[in-house]
Protein backbone atom coordinates (compact mmCIF):
# COMPACT_ATOMS: atom_id res chain seq x y z
CA MET A 1 0.00 0.00 0.00
CA SER A 2 1.38 3.42 -0.93
CA THR A 3 1.55 6.35 1.47
CA ARG A 4 -1.81 8.12 1.35
CA ILE A 5 -1.59 11.93 1.39
CA VAL A 6 -4.92 13.74 1.63
CA VAL A 7 -5.25 17.50 1.19
CA VAL A 8 -8.35 19.36 2.40
CA GLY A 9 -8.79 22.57 0.41
CA GLY A 10 -8.35 23.36 -3.27
CA GLY A 11 -7.09 26.93 -2.99
CA THR A 12 -3.66 28.32 -3.79
CA ALA A 13 -1.74 26.27 -1.22
CA GLY A 14 -3.58 22.98 -1.70
CA ALA A 15 -3.43 23.17 -5.48
CA ARG A 16 0.30 23.95 -5.44
CA LEU A 17 0.97 20.86 -3.33
CA ALA A 18 -1.18 18.73 -5.63
CA GLN A 19 0.81 19.98 -8.63
CA ARG A 20 3.99 18.56 -7.11
CA LEU A 21 2.85 15.35 -5.42
CA PRO A 22 0.19 12.71 -6.12
CA VAL A 23 -2.39 13.47 -3.43
CA THR A 24 -6.12 13.11 -2.88
CA LEU A 25 -7.30 16.73 -3.04
CA LEU A 26 -10.72 17.48 -1.56
CA GLY A 27 -11.99 20.77 -3.02
CA GLU A 28 -15.14 22.21 -1.48
CA GLU A 29 -15.91 24.50 -4.41
CA PRO A 30 -17.44 23.08 -7.60
CA HIS A 31 -14.76 24.80 -9.69
CA ALA A 32 -11.29 23.53 -10.53
CA PRO A 33 -8.59 25.33 -8.51
CA TYR A 34 -8.18 28.93 -9.66
CA ASN A 35 -6.04 31.99 -9.01
CA ARG A 36 -7.96 33.93 -6.37
CA VAL A 37 -5.77 36.99 -6.87
CA LEU A 38 -7.36 37.53 -10.29
CA LEU A 39 -11.00 37.49 -9.15
CA ALA A 40 -11.25 41.27 -9.48
CA ASP A 41 -10.26 40.97 -13.13
CA VAL A 42 -13.01 38.40 -13.67
CA LEU A 43 -15.51 40.74 -12.00
CA ALA A 44 -14.33 43.62 -14.18
CA GLY A 45 -14.79 41.47 -17.29
CA ARG A 46 -11.10 41.39 -18.18
CA TYR A 47 -10.87 37.60 -17.92
CA ALA A 48 -13.32 34.76 -18.36
CA PRO A 49 -13.53 32.43 -15.33
CA GLU A 50 -11.73 29.59 -17.10
CA VAL A 51 -8.73 31.81 -17.84
CA ILE A 52 -7.76 32.07 -14.16
CA ALA A 53 -7.60 28.29 -13.65
CA LEU A 54 -4.39 27.12 -12.00
CA PRO A 55 -2.12 24.55 -13.66
CA GLY A 56 -3.44 21.00 -13.48
CA THR A 57 -2.76 18.67 -10.57
CA LEU A 58 -1.06 15.27 -10.78
CA GLU A 59 -4.26 13.53 -9.70
CA PRO A 60 -7.90 14.57 -10.38
CA VAL A 61 -9.43 16.88 -7.77
CA ARG A 62 -12.54 15.73 -5.94
CA LEU A 63 -14.67 18.83 -6.55
CA GLY A 64 -17.65 19.81 -4.43
CA THR A 65 -16.39 17.68 -1.55
CA ARG A 66 -16.62 19.31 1.88
CA ALA A 67 -14.73 17.79 4.79
CA VAL A 68 -16.77 17.88 8.00
CA ARG A 69 -14.82 15.79 10.51
CA ILE A 70 -11.35 14.37 11.17
CA ASP A 71 -10.96 11.11 13.09
CA ARG A 72 -7.33 11.22 14.16
CA ALA A 73 -7.39 7.78 15.77
CA ALA A 74 -8.73 6.08 12.63
CA ARG A 75 -6.91 8.52 10.35
CA THR A 76 -9.95 9.27 8.25
CA VAL A 77 -11.65 12.40 6.94
CA GLU A 78 -15.45 12.35 6.87
CA CYS A 79 -17.07 14.30 4.04
CA ALA A 80 -20.50 15.93 3.88
CA ASP A 81 -21.71 13.23 1.48
CA GLY A 82 -21.01 10.58 4.12
CA SER A 83 -17.87 9.18 2.48
CA LEU A 84 -14.70 8.46 4.46
CA VAL A 85 -11.23 9.16 3.08
CA GLY A 86 -8.32 7.45 4.79
CA TYR A 87 -4.95 9.12 5.15
CA ASP A 88 -1.43 8.49 6.36
CA ARG A 89 -0.54 12.18 6.15
CA LEU A 90 -3.26 14.84 6.16
CA VAL A 91 -2.75 18.42 4.96
CA LEU A 92 -5.20 21.14 5.99
CA ALA A 93 -5.30 23.93 3.41
CA THR A 94 -8.75 25.16 4.41
CA GLY A 95 -8.00 28.83 3.72
CA SER A 96 -9.97 31.61 5.35
CA ASN A 97 -13.50 32.93 5.68
CA PRO A 98 -14.60 36.50 4.96
CA VAL A 99 -15.25 38.60 8.03
CA LEU A 100 -18.91 39.62 8.26
CA PRO A 101 -19.16 42.88 10.22
CA PRO A 102 -21.65 43.15 13.11
CA LEU A 103 -24.18 45.38 11.33
CA ARG A 104 -27.86 45.92 11.94
CA GLY A 105 -29.72 44.01 9.28
CA LEU A 106 -26.90 41.49 8.90
CA ARG A 107 -27.81 38.67 11.23
CA GLY A 108 -27.81 34.94 10.75
CA ALA A 109 -26.26 32.79 8.05
CA ALA A 110 -28.35 34.11 5.15
CA LEU A 111 -27.29 37.44 3.67
CA PRO A 112 -29.90 39.81 2.22
CA ALA A 113 -30.20 39.71 -1.57
CA GLY A 114 -27.60 42.01 -3.12
CA VAL A 115 -25.12 41.60 -0.23
CA HIS A 116 -22.02 39.58 -1.05
CA PRO A 117 -18.57 38.89 0.32
CA PHE A 118 -15.80 38.91 -2.27
CA ARG A 119 -13.85 35.75 -1.63
CA THR A 120 -14.77 32.98 -4.07
CA LEU A 121 -15.40 32.58 -7.78
CA ASP A 122 -19.09 32.07 -7.03
CA ASP A 123 -19.14 35.42 -5.15
CA CYS A 124 -17.51 37.00 -8.18
CA LEU A 125 -19.95 35.49 -10.69
CA GLU A 126 -22.99 36.43 -8.60
CA LEU A 127 -21.78 40.02 -8.36
CA ARG A 128 -21.05 40.14 -12.07
CA ALA A 129 -24.63 39.04 -12.79
CA LEU A 130 -26.02 41.84 -10.61
CA VAL A 131 -23.87 44.74 -11.75
CA ARG A 132 -24.69 46.77 -14.83
CA PRO A 133 -24.21 50.45 -15.72
CA GLY A 134 -25.93 52.73 -13.24
CA VAL A 135 -26.32 50.19 -10.43
CA ARG A 136 -25.57 51.75 -7.05
CA ALA A 137 -22.88 49.68 -5.29
CA VAL A 138 -21.33 50.23 -1.86
CA VAL A 139 -18.07 48.52 -0.91
CA ILE A 140 -17.45 48.20 2.84
CA GLY A 141 -13.73 48.05 3.52
CA GLY A 142 -10.88 50.09 2.05
CA GLY A 143 -8.07 47.57 2.20
CA LEU A 144 -6.48 45.71 -0.68
CA LEU A 145 -9.59 43.62 -1.35
CA GLY A 146 -12.00 46.55 -1.10
CA VAL A 147 -9.98 48.75 -3.44
CA SER A 148 -9.76 45.92 -5.97
CA ALA A 149 -13.51 45.29 -5.80
CA ALA A 150 -14.36 48.99 -6.13
CA ARG A 151 -12.15 49.30 -9.20
CA ALA A 152 -13.74 46.25 -10.82
CA LEU A 153 -17.29 47.46 -10.14
CA ALA A 154 -16.48 50.90 -11.54
CA GLU A 155 -15.10 49.29 -14.71
CA ARG A 156 -18.45 47.55 -15.14
CA GLY A 157 -20.20 50.92 -15.04
CA ALA A 158 -21.60 50.83 -11.51
CA ASP A 159 -21.92 53.95 -9.37
CA VAL A 160 -19.53 52.94 -6.61
CA VAL A 161 -19.07 54.23 -3.06
CA LEU A 162 -16.07 52.92 -1.10
CA THR A 163 -16.27 53.21 2.70
CA GLN A 164 -13.27 52.80 4.97
CA GLN A 165 -13.41 52.95 8.76
CA GLY A 166 -9.73 53.87 9.02
CA GLU A 167 -8.06 57.14 8.18
CA ARG A 168 -6.88 56.13 4.73
CA LEU A 169 -7.04 53.46 2.06
CA MET A 170 -4.79 50.40 2.44
CA GLU A 171 -3.45 51.79 5.68
CA ARG A 172 -1.75 48.49 6.57
CA GLN A 173 0.46 48.61 3.46
CA LEU A 174 0.85 52.28 2.48
CA ASP A 175 2.10 55.46 4.12
CA GLU A 176 0.03 58.64 4.08
CA HIS A 177 1.41 60.04 0.83
CA ALA A 178 1.05 56.79 -1.09
CA SER A 179 -2.47 56.32 0.24
CA ALA A 180 -3.41 59.83 -0.85
CA LEU A 181 -2.16 59.13 -4.37
CA LEU A 182 -4.11 55.88 -4.41
CA ARG A 183 -7.24 57.70 -3.35
CA GLU A 184 -6.81 60.24 -6.15
CA HIS A 185 -6.54 57.41 -8.65
CA VAL A 186 -9.58 55.55 -7.32
CA GLU A 187 -11.66 58.73 -7.35
CA ALA A 188 -10.55 59.40 -10.94
CA LEU A 189 -12.18 56.07 -11.82
CA GLY A 190 -15.48 57.53 -10.62
CA VAL A 191 -15.47 55.91 -7.17
CA GLU A 192 -16.78 58.02 -4.28
CA VAL A 193 -14.45 57.44 -1.31
CA HIS A 194 -15.36 57.94 2.35
CA THR A 195 -12.66 57.41 5.01
CA GLU A 196 -13.06 57.56 8.82
CA CYS A 197 -16.54 56.32 8.05
CA ARG A 198 -18.14 53.56 10.12
CA VAL A 199 -21.01 51.57 8.68
CA SER A 200 -23.62 50.75 11.33
CA GLY A 201 -26.36 48.89 9.47
CA LEU A 202 -28.14 47.81 6.32
CA ARG A 203 -31.65 48.62 5.22
CA GLN A 204 -33.64 46.10 3.24
CA ARG A 205 -37.03 45.62 1.69
CA ASP A 206 -38.55 42.23 0.86
CA GLY A 207 -35.28 40.55 1.73
CA ALA A 208 -33.14 42.73 -0.58
CA VAL A 209 -30.71 45.45 0.47
CA THR A 210 -31.77 49.02 -0.26
CA ALA A 211 -29.31 51.20 1.66
CA VAL A 212 -26.27 51.35 3.92
CA GLU A 213 -26.51 53.32 7.15
CA LEU A 214 -23.47 55.16 8.49
CA ALA A 215 -22.79 55.80 12.18
CA ASP A 216 -23.16 59.56 11.67
CA GLY A 217 -26.73 59.06 10.41
CA PHE A 218 -25.95 59.44 6.72
CA VAL A 219 -27.61 56.91 4.41
CA LEU A 220 -26.15 55.57 1.17
CA ASP A 221 -28.61 54.10 -1.33
CA ALA A 222 -27.42 50.69 -2.45
CA GLN A 223 -28.60 47.93 -4.73
CA VAL A 224 -25.40 45.96 -4.25
CA VAL A 225 -23.20 45.79 -1.14
CA VAL A 226 -19.76 44.16 -1.17
CA LEU A 227 -18.29 43.08 2.17
CA ALA A 228 -14.50 43.45 2.01
CA CYS A 229 -13.80 43.63 5.74
CA GLY A 230 -10.95 41.17 5.86
CA VAL A 231 -10.69 37.43 6.42
CA ARG A 232 -10.00 35.08 9.32
CA PRO A 233 -8.38 31.64 9.20
CA ARG A 234 -10.77 28.74 8.72
CA VAL A 235 -9.91 26.55 11.70
CA ALA A 236 -13.17 24.89 12.81
CA LEU A 237 -12.24 21.50 11.37
CA ALA A 238 -8.87 21.56 13.15
CA ARG A 239 -10.27 22.82 16.43
CA GLU A 240 -12.97 20.14 16.52
CA ALA A 241 -10.27 17.54 15.90
CA GLY A 242 -8.40 18.75 18.98
CA LEU A 243 -5.46 20.33 17.17
CA SER A 244 -3.65 23.32 18.64
CA VAL A 245 -5.27 26.51 17.34
CA ALA A 246 -4.42 30.13 18.16
CA THR A 247 -5.44 32.64 15.50
CA GLY A 248 -4.66 29.96 12.93
CA ILE A 249 -3.71 26.29 13.10
CA VAL A 250 -0.36 26.26 14.90
CA VAL A 251 2.45 24.65 12.85
CA ASP A 252 6.20 24.18 13.24
CA ASP A 253 8.98 24.57 10.67
CA GLU A 254 7.89 21.36 8.93
CA LEU A 255 4.35 22.75 8.76
CA ARG A 256 3.23 20.07 11.24
CA THR A 257 0.36 20.66 13.61
CA SER A 258 0.21 19.31 17.19
CA ASP A 259 -0.53 15.95 15.53
CA PRO A 260 2.61 15.08 13.52
CA ALA A 261 0.53 13.17 10.96
CA ILE A 262 -1.36 16.37 10.12
CA HIS A 263 0.08 19.47 8.43
CA ALA A 264 -1.42 22.88 7.69
CA ILE A 265 -0.48 25.44 5.02
CA GLY A 266 -1.80 28.67 3.57
CA ASP A 267 -4.28 31.10 5.07
CA CYS A 268 -5.36 28.70 7.82
CA ALA A 269 -1.83 28.10 9.17
CA GLU A 270 -0.07 30.06 11.91
CA HIS A 271 3.71 29.80 11.87
CA ALA A 272 5.88 31.43 14.53
CA GLY A 273 2.88 33.41 15.74
CA ARG A 274 2.00 34.80 12.31
CA VAL A 275 -0.85 34.19 9.89
CA TYR A 276 0.03 35.64 6.49
CA GLY A 277 -3.16 35.46 4.43
CA LEU A 278 -1.27 36.13 1.18
CA ALA A 279 -0.54 34.10 -1.93
CA GLY A 280 3.26 34.31 -1.70
CA PRO A 281 3.60 32.71 1.75
CA ALA A 282 0.99 30.08 0.84
CA LEU A 283 3.10 29.03 -2.15
CA ASP A 284 6.28 29.01 -0.09
CA GLN A 285 4.67 26.81 2.54
CA ALA A 286 3.30 24.42 -0.08
CA ASP A 287 6.74 24.09 -1.67
CA VAL A 288 8.45 23.35 1.64
CA LEU A 289 5.78 20.82 2.58
CA ALA A 290 6.09 19.18 -0.84
CA ASP A 291 9.77 18.61 -0.07
CA VAL A 292 8.97 17.33 3.44
CA LEU A 293 6.43 14.85 2.09
CA ALA A 294 8.67 13.91 -0.82
CA ASP A 295 11.23 12.81 1.76
CA VAL A 296 8.51 10.75 3.45
CA LEU A 297 7.65 9.09 0.15
CA ALA A 298 11.32 8.44 -0.59
CA ALA A 299 11.78 6.90 2.86
CA SER A 300 8.77 4.69 2.19
CA VAL A 301 10.39 3.38 -0.98
CA VAL A 302 13.61 2.60 0.90
CA GLY A 303 11.62 0.94 3.67
CA ASN A 304 9.72 -1.13 1.14
CA ARG A 305 12.93 -2.36 -0.43
CA SER A 306 14.45 -3.29 2.91
CA ALA A 307 11.40 -4.70 4.68
CA GLY A 308 9.29 -6.01 1.82
CA ALA A 309 5.62 -5.18 1.50
CA GLU A 310 4.92 -5.09 5.25
CA ARG A 311 3.42 -1.79 6.38
CA VAL A 312 4.67 -0.44 9.70
CA GLY A 313 3.30 2.74 11.30
CA THR A 314 5.71 4.82 13.34
CA THR A 315 4.81 7.03 16.27
CA ASP A 316 5.29 10.25 14.34
CA GLY A 317 3.01 9.32 11.44
CA THR A 318 5.77 8.39 8.99
CA LEU A 319 5.08 5.17 7.10
CA ALA A 320 7.91 2.71 6.68
CA GLY A 321 7.81 -0.31 4.45
CA ALA A 322 5.11 1.07 2.15
CA SER A 323 5.06 0.01 -1.43
CA ALA A 324 6.38 2.38 -4.07
CA PRO A 325 4.16 5.46 -4.55
CA ARG A 326 2.71 6.47 -7.86
CA ALA A 327 4.84 8.62 -10.08
CA TRP A 328 5.58 12.01 -8.58
CA THR A 329 7.86 14.86 -9.50
CA ARG A 330 10.03 16.91 -7.21
CA THR A 331 10.56 20.29 -8.80
CA ALA A 332 12.05 23.62 -7.95
CA SER A 333 9.81 26.54 -7.06
CA ALA A 334 8.25 28.41 -9.94
CA SER A 335 6.10 31.49 -10.09
CA PRO A 336 2.46 30.52 -10.59
CA SER A 337 0.50 32.01 -13.42
CA GLY A 338 -3.21 32.61 -13.25
CA CYS A 339 -3.37 32.94 -17.00
CA GLY A 340 -1.04 33.07 -19.93
CA GLN A 341 -1.50 36.77 -20.49
CA ALA A 342 -0.85 38.53 -17.20
CA GLN A 343 1.54 38.24 -14.32
CA GLU A 344 -0.09 37.54 -10.98
CA PRO A 345 -0.37 40.90 -9.17
CA SER A 346 0.94 39.60 -5.88
CA ALA A 347 4.18 38.64 -4.23
CA PRO A 348 6.33 36.54 -6.57
CA ALA A 349 7.01 32.97 -5.53
CA ARG A 350 10.25 32.48 -3.67
CA ALA A 351 12.52 29.56 -3.12
CA PRO A 352 11.45 27.65 -0.01
CA SER A 353 13.48 28.33 3.11
CA ARG A 354 15.89 25.44 3.75
CA VAL A 355 18.29 25.74 6.66
CA PRO A 356 20.88 23.26 7.96
CA THR A 357 19.39 23.05 11.45
CA ARG A 358 17.25 20.62 13.34
CA PRO A 359 14.31 22.12 15.25
CA ALA A 360 13.90 21.54 18.94
CA GLN A 361 11.70 18.67 20.02
CA ARG A 362 8.07 19.62 20.54
CA ASP A 363 6.36 19.05 23.86
CA ASP A 364 2.90 19.69 22.39
CA CYS A 365 2.97 16.70 20.01
CA PRO A 366 0.76 13.94 21.41
CA HIS A 367 2.87 11.30 19.66
CA GLY A 368 6.11 12.25 21.35
CA ALA A 369 9.38 13.75 20.13
CA ASP A 370 10.29 14.63 16.58
CA ALA A 371 11.57 11.95 14.27
CA PRO A 372 15.27 12.09 13.41
CA THR A 373 16.01 14.56 10.64
CA THR A 374 18.99 15.29 8.45
CA ASP A 375 20.82 18.58 8.37
CA SER A 376 19.51 19.22 4.86
CA ALA A 377 15.85 18.58 5.74
CA PRO A 378 13.45 21.17 4.33
CA ARG A 379 12.25 23.82 6.78
CA TYR A 380 9.92 26.79 6.50
CA LYS A 381 11.43 29.88 8.09
CA GLY A 382 8.79 32.45 7.18
CA THR A 383 8.18 34.65 4.17
CA ARG A 384 8.85 38.29 3.52
CA ALA A 385 5.67 39.09 1.63
CA LEU A 386 5.40 41.78 -1.04
CA THR A 387 1.99 43.32 -1.72
CA ARG A 388 1.38 44.21 -5.35
CA LEU A 389 -1.72 45.60 -7.05
CA THR A 390 -2.57 46.83 -10.52
CA LEU A 391 -5.53 49.18 -10.94
CA GLY A 392 -6.93 49.75 -14.41
CA GLY A 393 -8.60 52.79 -15.87
CA PRO A 394 -7.62 55.47 -18.39
CA ARG A 395 -4.29 55.78 -16.58
CA PRO A 396 -3.52 52.39 -14.97
CA LEU A 397 -1.76 52.49 -11.63
CA ASP A 398 0.69 49.89 -10.34
CA LEU A 399 1.69 49.78 -6.70
CA ALA A 400 3.95 47.62 -4.58
CA ALA A 401 4.66 47.73 -0.85
CA PHE A 402 6.80 45.66 1.48
CA GLY A 403 8.01 45.70 5.06
CA GLN A 404 7.79 48.76 7.27
CA VAL A 405 6.84 51.79 5.21
CA THR A 406 6.66 54.17 8.19
CA ALA A 407 10.06 55.22 9.53
CA GLU A 408 11.08 55.01 13.17
CA PRO A 409 13.45 57.45 14.91
CA GLY A 410 16.96 56.97 13.55
CA ASP A 411 15.88 55.44 10.25
CA ASP A 412 17.06 56.82 6.93
CA VAL A 413 14.32 57.58 4.38
CA VAL A 414 14.63 58.33 0.68
CA GLN A 415 11.62 59.56 -1.29
CA LEU A 416 11.16 60.47 -4.94
CA THR A 417 7.90 62.06 -6.09
CA ASP A 418 6.77 62.93 -9.62
CA SER A 419 3.41 64.68 -9.30
CA THR A 420 2.88 64.99 -13.03
CA ARG A 421 3.01 61.21 -13.45
CA SER A 422 1.47 60.32 -10.06
CA ALA A 423 4.66 58.40 -9.33
CA TYR A 424 6.02 57.93 -5.82
CA ARG A 425 8.91 55.87 -4.50
CA LYS A 426 10.13 55.52 -0.94
CA VAL A 427 12.48 53.24 0.96
CA VAL A 428 13.22 52.98 4.68
CA VAL A 429 16.71 51.92 5.77
CA ARG A 430 17.62 50.95 9.34
CA GLY A 431 21.33 50.74 9.94
CA ASP A 432 22.65 48.85 6.92
CA ARG A 433 19.39 47.02 6.16
CA LEU A 434 16.47 47.83 3.89
CA VAL A 435 13.38 47.40 6.10
CA GLY A 436 10.57 48.57 3.85
CA GLY A 437 9.41 50.50 0.84
CA VAL A 438 6.48 51.56 -1.28
CA LEU A 439 6.28 52.33 -5.00
CA LEU A 440 3.40 53.75 -7.00
CA GLY A 441 3.29 54.38 -10.72
CA ASP A 442 6.81 53.31 -11.65
CA LEU A 443 7.75 49.81 -10.49
CA ALA A 444 10.94 49.45 -12.51
CA ALA A 445 13.01 49.25 -9.31
CA VAL A 446 10.75 46.82 -7.46
CA GLY A 447 12.67 43.68 -8.45
CA ALA A 448 16.01 44.89 -7.10
CA LEU A 449 14.40 46.35 -3.98
CA ALA A 450 12.49 43.15 -3.26
CA ARG A 451 15.66 41.07 -3.59
CA ALA A 452 17.57 43.36 -1.22
CA TRP A 453 14.75 43.23 1.32
CA GLU A 454 14.03 39.51 1.08
CA GLY A 455 17.73 38.65 1.34
CA ASP A 456 18.06 40.78 4.50
CA GLU A 457 21.67 41.44 3.59
CA ALA A 458 23.77 44.46 4.44
CA LEU A 459 23.58 47.19 1.82
CA PRO A 460 26.90 48.04 0.12
CA ASP A 461 28.66 51.01 1.69
CA GLU A 462 29.63 52.45 -1.67
CA ALA A 463 26.02 52.68 -2.96
CA PRO A 464 24.26 55.94 -2.01
CA LEU A 465 20.72 55.43 -0.69
CA LEU A 466 19.33 57.23 -3.71
CA HIS A 467 20.56 54.37 -5.88
CA LEU A 468 18.02 52.10 -4.20
CA LEU A 469 15.30 53.91 -6.11
CA THR A 470 16.94 53.82 -9.53
CA HIS A 471 15.67 51.34 -12.08
CA ASP A 472 18.49 48.89 -11.46
CA GLY A 473 18.38 49.21 -7.68
CA GLY A 474 21.94 50.49 -7.66
CA SER A 475 23.42 47.44 -9.37
CA SER A 476 25.93 47.83 -12.16
């Protein structure tokens, strides 16, 4: 019997793993895995839904299959249709759920007609069916997702209002000047922007939304409301199975949960106290876990050759003596592509972190200490995530942000601004390290800046700080 690897979740992380290893992938959505980053382009009408499909997996995906329970003792996953799927290693890639704000008129599981989160392809297609020129749409949330949704709705001809409770748009990624430039661009698309604006409730008639109420008493007419208030890790399945859960499902450097036979990657995983919620880290984690599990499969082949066909289960979930697995390919990391025409507007894929160290033994693992590892064993050491967004319109705007974009006392800051082209570039340097930056309009230097930041290496003494913002990043 070959080692059975089951993956729950057909999003970015789960699909990446299934592209590299032969796994049983349980996808809850009825659609083949797709590039979620490009949903705004589908909503805007730039791409057809099939264009954003991710590359195919080694084994067929079980679509429309929702996992409802994990039996860790029996090592089975129970699905909503009553079927049981056995596993030797289980990977939770359950992603995240949209945050539904506590608004009057928004109670219970059923949303009023016209009110939609913006998380899945079905959300996108339902919104696209509702929106036509002149429809009044209100987007609640001025972060990355809200700005993307507002742009897409405006491109479809809707009259769009974007509300943000904070002081500025994308305040987690951008400094004040960059956010102001972004706001100017969004307003030039015809979007009405309200910041420092708290939504308190929804009005509806006959089960359909009619207006959005603001805390100051102002009322915004609305036929469509998009909830872009953030996401939270989807951890119910793990919590009910008794796994360690904080904000996300707690994992170590091998992406193992408190049960060593179960791993977690992507938006649902919490590594070193951090939940990323971005495509780049999800891909990094999937690549590292692919290498971890590839080693398990390789060990199974060796065990099979030395011990025959007998199957022996070890205390840490590794299977020895298993028969040879089906064909699988171990490949280097590659940048994913949502379609053949456009680069994914998010952090580029990076090589997985591999360090020549062995992690400390874990006291929280119910099956005891870690299994022996080699110095070259794959390890995930975190991701330095770059946020990137492209906004269309008569004058398209590209932006990229990374690290700390607000300087602390003692930091060196270099800024270049070109008001005529709405271009802005800024880097923050602490000591001899690049700690953050933001670019709008002209991203020619982003590649060199991202490499300097991700590498966390000392900047050369002979390169003036201004060179960091040139097109070649100061390289010769």
